[in-house]
Amino acid sequence: MSEDLEKARNLTQIIYFLYAASLIIGVTAIVAIIMNYIKRDEVAGTWLESHFRWQMRTFWFSILWTVVGIITSFIGVGIIMLIVAGIWAIYRIVKGMLNFYDNKPMYQNA
């Protein structure tokens, strides 16, 4: 494996850890998404590019569903939405990490 690809692989792993840590310490997700945007050119054209896309989509859709959940929490459905969004984010982080450790790209349309 080339040195550049190894660095990109390590970076992708760190970003997954930051997203996982954000489930407890929310601010680490902000650090992770910033890293995704700053470093995405370095993974372009590699199998890691799909992981960056997966991570970024997980972040933005989590934000979307969290905001919608908070806004609608006063009518009760928002609480359910927040719980489902949390479970969905955990699934995405775990699924991404499993594929990462198996050296597999993520789905191209996810």
N, C-alpha and C. Protein backbone atom coordinates (compact mmCIF):
# COMPACT_ATOMS: atom_id res chain seq x y z
N MET A 1 0.85 -1.17 0.00
CA MET A 1 0.00 0.00 0.00
C MET A 1 0.89 1.23 0.00
N SER A 2 0.54 2.21 -0.82
CA SER A 2 1.35 3.42 -0.90
C SER A 2 1.24 4.23 0.39
N GLU A 3 2.23 5.06 0.61
CA GLU A 3 2.24 5.88 1.83
C GLU A 3 1.06 6.84 1.86
N ASP A 4 0.70 7.43 0.71
CA ASP A 4 -0.44 8.34 0.65
C ASP A 4 -1.75 7.64 0.98
N LEU A 5 -1.92 6.43 0.44
CA LEU A 5 -3.14 5.68 0.72
C LEU A 5 -3.20 5.27 2.19
N GLU A 6 -2.06 4.92 2.75
CA GLU A 6 -2.02 4.56 4.17
C GLU A 6 -2.39 5.75 5.05
N LYS A 7 -1.90 6.94 4.70
CA LYS A 7 -2.27 8.16 5.45
C LYS A 7 -3.76 8.43 5.33
N ALA A 8 -4.30 8.28 4.12
CA ALA A 8 -5.73 8.50 3.89
C ALA A 8 -6.56 7.48 4.67
N ARG A 9 -6.08 6.26 4.73
CA ARG A 9 -6.77 5.20 5.47
C ARG A 9 -6.79 5.53 6.97
N ASN A 10 -5.66 5.97 7.50
CA ASN A 10 -5.59 6.35 8.91
C ASN A 10 -6.51 7.53 9.21
N LEU A 11 -6.55 8.49 8.30
CA LEU A 11 -7.41 9.65 8.46
C LEU A 11 -8.89 9.23 8.48
N THR A 12 -9.26 8.35 7.57
CA THR A 12 -10.64 7.86 7.52
C THR A 12 -11.02 7.18 8.81
N GLN A 13 -10.11 6.40 9.36
CA GLN A 13 -10.35 5.71 10.63
C GLN A 13 -10.54 6.72 11.76
N ILE A 14 -9.70 7.73 11.81
CA ILE A 14 -9.81 8.76 12.85
C ILE A 14 -11.17 9.46 12.75
N ILE A 15 -11.59 9.75 11.53
CA ILE A 15 -12.88 10.41 11.34
C ILE A 15 -14.02 9.52 11.81
N TYR A 16 -13.95 8.22 11.53
CA TYR A 16 -14.98 7.30 12.06
C TYR A 16 -14.99 7.34 13.59
N PHE A 17 -13.83 7.35 14.21
CA PHE A 17 -13.76 7.42 15.67
C PHE A 17 -14.37 8.71 16.20
N LEU A 18 -14.13 9.82 15.49
CA LEU A 18 -14.71 11.09 15.91
C LEU A 18 -16.24 11.07 15.81
N TYR A 19 -16.75 10.46 14.74
CA TYR A 19 -18.20 10.34 14.63
C TYR A 19 -18.76 9.44 15.73
N ALA A 20 -18.09 8.36 16.03
CA ALA A 20 -18.54 7.47 17.10
C ALA A 20 -18.51 8.20 18.45
N ALA A 21 -17.46 8.95 18.69
CA ALA A 21 -17.35 9.71 19.94
C ALA A 21 -18.43 10.78 20.03
N SER A 22 -18.91 11.26 18.90
CA SER A 22 -19.92 12.31 18.90
C SER A 22 -21.25 11.83 19.47
N LEU A 23 -21.45 10.52 19.54
CA LEU A 23 -22.66 10.00 20.15
C LEU A 23 -22.70 10.32 21.64
N ILE A 24 -21.52 10.56 22.22
CA ILE A 24 -21.41 10.93 23.63
C ILE A 24 -21.01 12.39 23.78
N ILE A 25 -20.04 12.80 22.96
CA ILE A 25 -19.52 14.17 23.00
C ILE A 25 -19.81 14.79 21.63
N GLY A 26 -20.94 15.43 21.48
CA GLY A 26 -21.43 15.88 20.19
C GLY A 26 -20.47 16.72 19.36
N VAL A 27 -19.62 17.48 20.00
CA VAL A 27 -18.75 18.42 19.27
C VAL A 27 -17.75 17.71 18.36
N THR A 28 -17.44 16.46 18.62
CA THR A 28 -16.46 15.76 17.78
C THR A 28 -16.99 15.55 16.36
N ALA A 29 -18.31 15.55 16.19
CA ALA A 29 -18.87 15.43 14.85
C ALA A 29 -18.55 16.67 14.02
N ILE A 30 -18.50 17.83 14.65
CA ILE A 30 -18.15 19.07 13.95
C ILE A 30 -16.70 18.98 13.46
N VAL A 31 -15.82 18.50 14.32
CA VAL A 31 -14.41 18.32 13.94
C VAL A 31 -14.32 17.33 12.78
N ALA A 32 -15.09 16.25 12.85
CA ALA A 32 -15.05 15.22 11.81
C ALA A 32 -15.53 15.75 10.47
N ILE A 33 -16.63 16.49 10.44
CA ILE A 33 -17.14 16.98 9.15
C ILE A 33 -16.19 18.01 8.55
N ILE A 34 -15.56 18.80 9.37
CA ILE A 34 -14.56 19.76 8.87
C ILE A 34 -13.40 19.00 8.24
N MET A 35 -12.95 17.94 8.91
CA MET A 35 -11.87 17.13 8.35
C MET A 35 -12.29 16.48 7.04
N ASN A 36 -13.55 16.01 6.97
CA ASN A 36 -14.04 15.42 5.73
C ASN A 36 -13.92 16.41 4.57
N TYR A 37 -14.35 17.62 4.80
CA TYR A 37 -14.32 18.61 3.71
C TYR A 37 -12.90 19.05 3.36
N ILE A 38 -12.06 19.22 4.36
CA ILE A 38 -10.69 19.66 4.09
C ILE A 38 -9.88 18.58 3.37
N LYS A 39 -10.08 17.32 3.73
CA LYS A 39 -9.24 16.24 3.22
C LYS A 39 -9.87 15.41 2.10
N ARG A 40 -11.07 15.75 1.65
CA ARG A 40 -11.73 14.88 0.66
C ARG A 40 -10.99 14.80 -0.66
N ASP A 41 -10.25 15.82 -1.04
CA ASP A 41 -9.47 15.74 -2.28
C ASP A 41 -8.37 14.69 -2.19
N GLU A 42 -7.88 14.43 -0.99
CA GLU A 42 -6.81 13.46 -0.80
C GLU A 42 -7.28 12.02 -0.97
N VAL A 43 -8.59 11.77 -0.86
CA VAL A 43 -9.11 10.41 -1.02
C VAL A 43 -9.83 10.23 -2.36
N ALA A 44 -9.89 11.30 -3.13
CA ALA A 44 -10.59 11.24 -4.43
C ALA A 44 -9.96 10.16 -5.31
N GLY A 45 -10.82 9.33 -5.90
CA GLY A 45 -10.34 8.28 -6.79
C GLY A 45 -9.92 7.00 -6.09
N THR A 46 -10.04 6.96 -4.77
CA THR A 46 -9.69 5.74 -4.02
C THR A 46 -10.98 5.14 -3.44
N TRP A 47 -10.87 3.93 -2.93
CA TRP A 47 -12.03 3.30 -2.31
C TRP A 47 -12.46 4.04 -1.05
N LEU A 48 -11.58 4.86 -0.51
CA LEU A 48 -11.91 5.62 0.69
C LEU A 48 -12.83 6.81 0.39
N GLU A 49 -12.89 7.22 -0.85
CA GLU A 49 -13.77 8.32 -1.24
C GLU A 49 -15.22 7.99 -0.88
N SER A 50 -15.63 6.74 -1.09
CA SER A 50 -17.00 6.35 -0.76
C SER A 50 -17.25 6.41 0.75
N HIS A 51 -16.22 6.18 1.55
CA HIS A 51 -16.37 6.28 3.00
C HIS A 51 -16.54 7.74 3.42
N PHE A 52 -15.81 8.63 2.78
CA PHE A 52 -15.97 10.06 3.07
C PHE A 52 -17.39 10.50 2.73
N ARG A 53 -17.90 10.07 1.58
CA ARG A 53 -19.26 10.40 1.18
C ARG A 53 -20.25 9.86 2.21
N TRP A 54 -20.05 8.62 2.63
CA TRP A 54 -20.90 7.97 3.63
C TRP A 54 -20.89 8.76 4.94
N GLN A 55 -19.69 9.14 5.38
CA GLN A 55 -19.56 9.90 6.62
C GLN A 55 -20.25 11.25 6.53
N MET A 56 -20.05 11.95 5.42
CA MET A 56 -20.62 13.28 5.25
C MET A 56 -22.15 13.21 5.18
N ARG A 57 -22.67 12.24 4.47
CA ARG A 57 -24.13 12.09 4.39
C ARG A 57 -24.71 11.71 5.75
N THR A 58 -24.00 10.88 6.48
CA THR A 58 -24.46 10.52 7.82
C THR A 58 -24.56 11.77 8.68
N PHE A 59 -23.55 12.62 8.63
CA PHE A 59 -23.55 13.86 9.41
C PHE A 59 -24.73 14.74 9.03
N TRP A 60 -24.87 15.06 7.74
CA TRP A 60 -25.89 16.02 7.33
C TRP A 60 -27.31 15.51 7.53
N PHE A 61 -27.55 14.23 7.25
CA PHE A 61 -28.89 13.70 7.48
C PHE A 61 -29.18 13.59 8.98
N SER A 62 -28.18 13.31 9.79
CA SER A 62 -28.37 13.30 11.24
C SER A 62 -28.76 14.69 11.74
N ILE A 63 -28.09 15.70 11.22
CA ILE A 63 -28.43 17.08 11.59
C ILE A 63 -29.87 17.39 11.18
N LEU A 64 -30.22 17.05 9.94
CA LEU A 64 -31.57 17.32 9.43
C LEU A 64 -32.63 16.68 10.31
N TRP A 65 -32.49 15.37 10.58
CA TRP A 65 -33.51 14.67 11.35
C TRP A 65 -33.52 15.09 12.81
N THR A 66 -32.39 15.50 13.33
CA THR A 66 -32.36 16.02 14.70
C THR A 66 -33.11 17.34 14.79
N VAL A 67 -32.88 18.23 13.83
CA VAL A 67 -33.57 19.52 13.82
C VAL A 67 -35.08 19.31 13.67
N VAL A 68 -35.48 18.47 12.72
CA VAL A 68 -36.90 18.18 12.53
C VAL A 68 -37.48 17.55 13.80
N GLY A 69 -36.75 16.65 14.42
CA GLY A 69 -37.20 16.02 15.65
C GLY A 69 -37.39 17.01 16.78
N ILE A 70 -36.47 17.94 16.91
CA ILE A 70 -36.57 18.96 17.96
C ILE A 70 -37.77 19.86 17.70
N ILE A 71 -37.93 20.28 16.45
CA ILE A 71 -39.04 21.17 16.10
C ILE A 71 -40.40 20.50 16.35
N THR A 72 -40.48 19.21 16.06
CA THR A 72 -41.77 18.51 16.21
C THR A 72 -41.92 17.79 17.55
N SER A 73 -40.96 17.97 18.44
CA SER A 73 -41.03 17.26 19.72
C SER A 73 -42.21 17.72 20.58
N PHE A 74 -42.67 18.91 20.37
CA PHE A 74 -43.80 19.39 21.17
C PHE A 74 -45.10 18.66 20.85
N ILE A 75 -45.18 17.99 19.71
CA ILE A 75 -46.38 17.21 19.40
C ILE A 75 -46.14 15.71 19.60
N GLY A 76 -45.00 15.36 20.14
CA GLY A 76 -44.73 13.97 20.50
C GLY A 76 -44.00 13.17 19.45
N VAL A 77 -44.29 13.40 18.19
CA VAL A 77 -43.65 12.61 17.12
C VAL A 77 -42.15 12.90 17.05
N GLY A 78 -41.76 14.07 17.46
CA GLY A 78 -40.35 14.45 17.42
C GLY A 78 -39.47 13.59 18.30
N ILE A 79 -40.00 13.17 19.45
CA ILE A 79 -39.23 12.31 20.35
C ILE A 79 -38.92 10.99 19.66
N ILE A 80 -39.93 10.43 19.01
CA ILE A 80 -39.73 9.18 18.27
C ILE A 80 -38.72 9.40 17.15
N MET A 81 -38.83 10.54 16.46
CA MET A 81 -37.92 10.84 15.37
C MET A 81 -36.48 10.96 15.87
N LEU A 82 -36.30 11.57 17.03
CA LEU A 82 -34.95 11.70 17.60
C LEU A 82 -34.37 10.34 17.95
N ILE A 83 -35.18 9.46 18.49
CA ILE A 83 -34.72 8.11 18.84
C ILE A 83 -34.33 7.35 17.57
N VAL A 84 -35.19 7.40 16.57
CA VAL A 84 -34.91 6.70 15.30
C VAL A 84 -33.67 7.29 14.64
N ALA A 85 -33.53 8.61 14.66
CA ALA A 85 -32.35 9.25 14.06
C ALA A 85 -31.07 8.80 14.77
N GLY A 86 -31.12 8.67 16.08
CA GLY A 86 -29.96 8.20 16.84
C GLY A 86 -29.59 6.77 16.48
N ILE A 87 -30.59 5.91 16.40
CA ILE A 87 -30.33 4.51 16.01
C ILE A 87 -29.79 4.44 14.61
N TRP A 88 -30.35 5.25 13.70
CA TRP A 88 -29.90 5.28 12.31
C TRP A 88 -28.44 5.73 12.24
N ALA A 89 -28.06 6.75 13.01
CA ALA A 89 -26.67 7.24 13.01
C ALA A 89 -25.72 6.17 13.53
N ILE A 90 -26.12 5.47 14.58
CA ILE A 90 -25.29 4.38 15.11
C ILE A 90 -25.10 3.31 14.04
N TYR A 91 -26.19 2.94 13.37
CA TYR A 91 -26.10 1.95 12.29
C TYR A 91 -25.11 2.40 11.22
N ARG A 92 -25.21 3.65 10.78
CA ARG A 92 -24.34 4.15 9.73
C ARG A 92 -22.87 4.15 10.15
N ILE A 93 -22.60 4.52 11.38
CA ILE A 93 -21.21 4.53 11.86
C ILE A 93 -20.67 3.10 11.93
N VAL A 94 -21.46 2.19 12.49
CA VAL A 94 -21.01 0.80 12.61
C VAL A 94 -20.85 0.16 11.24
N LYS A 95 -21.83 0.33 10.35
CA LYS A 95 -21.76 -0.25 9.00
C LYS A 95 -20.53 0.29 8.26
N GLY A 96 -20.30 1.58 8.36
CA GLY A 96 -19.14 2.17 7.70
C GLY A 96 -17.83 1.62 8.24
N MET A 97 -17.73 1.50 9.55
CA MET A 97 -16.50 0.98 10.15
C MET A 97 -16.27 -0.48 9.77
N LEU A 98 -17.33 -1.27 9.74
CA LEU A 98 -17.18 -2.68 9.35
C LEU A 98 -16.67 -2.80 7.91
N ASN A 99 -17.25 -2.04 7.00
CA ASN A 99 -16.77 -2.06 5.62
C ASN A 99 -15.34 -1.54 5.53
N PHE A 100 -15.04 -0.50 6.30
CA PHE A 100 -13.69 0.07 6.31
C PHE A 100 -12.67 -0.98 6.72
N TYR A 101 -12.94 -1.69 7.82
CA TYR A 101 -11.99 -2.69 8.30
C TYR A 101 -11.88 -3.90 7.39
N ASP A 102 -12.90 -4.11 6.55
CA ASP A 102 -12.84 -5.17 5.54
C ASP A 102 -12.26 -4.67 4.22
N ASN A 103 -11.79 -3.43 4.20
CA ASN A 103 -11.22 -2.78 3.00
C ASN A 103 -12.21 -2.76 1.84
N LYS A 104 -13.49 -2.54 2.16
CA LYS A 104 -14.53 -2.48 1.15
C LYS A 104 -15.04 -1.04 1.04
N PRO A 105 -15.34 -0.61 -0.17
CA PRO A 105 -15.97 0.72 -0.31
C PRO A 105 -17.42 0.67 0.18
N MET A 106 -17.97 1.82 0.43
CA MET A 106 -19.38 1.91 0.80
C MET A 106 -20.19 1.93 -0.48
N TYR A 107 -21.49 1.79 -0.34
CA TYR A 107 -22.38 1.83 -1.49
C TYR A 107 -22.20 3.16 -2.21
N GLN A 108 -22.20 3.12 -3.49
CA GLN A 108 -21.95 4.34 -4.26
C GLN A 108 -23.13 5.31 -4.23
N ASN A 109 -24.32 4.84 -3.96
CA ASN A 109 -25.48 5.74 -3.96
C ASN A 109 -26.01 6.00 -2.57
N ALA A 110 -25.21 5.76 -1.55
CA ALA A 110 -25.71 5.95 -0.17
C ALA A 110 -25.13 7.19 0.46
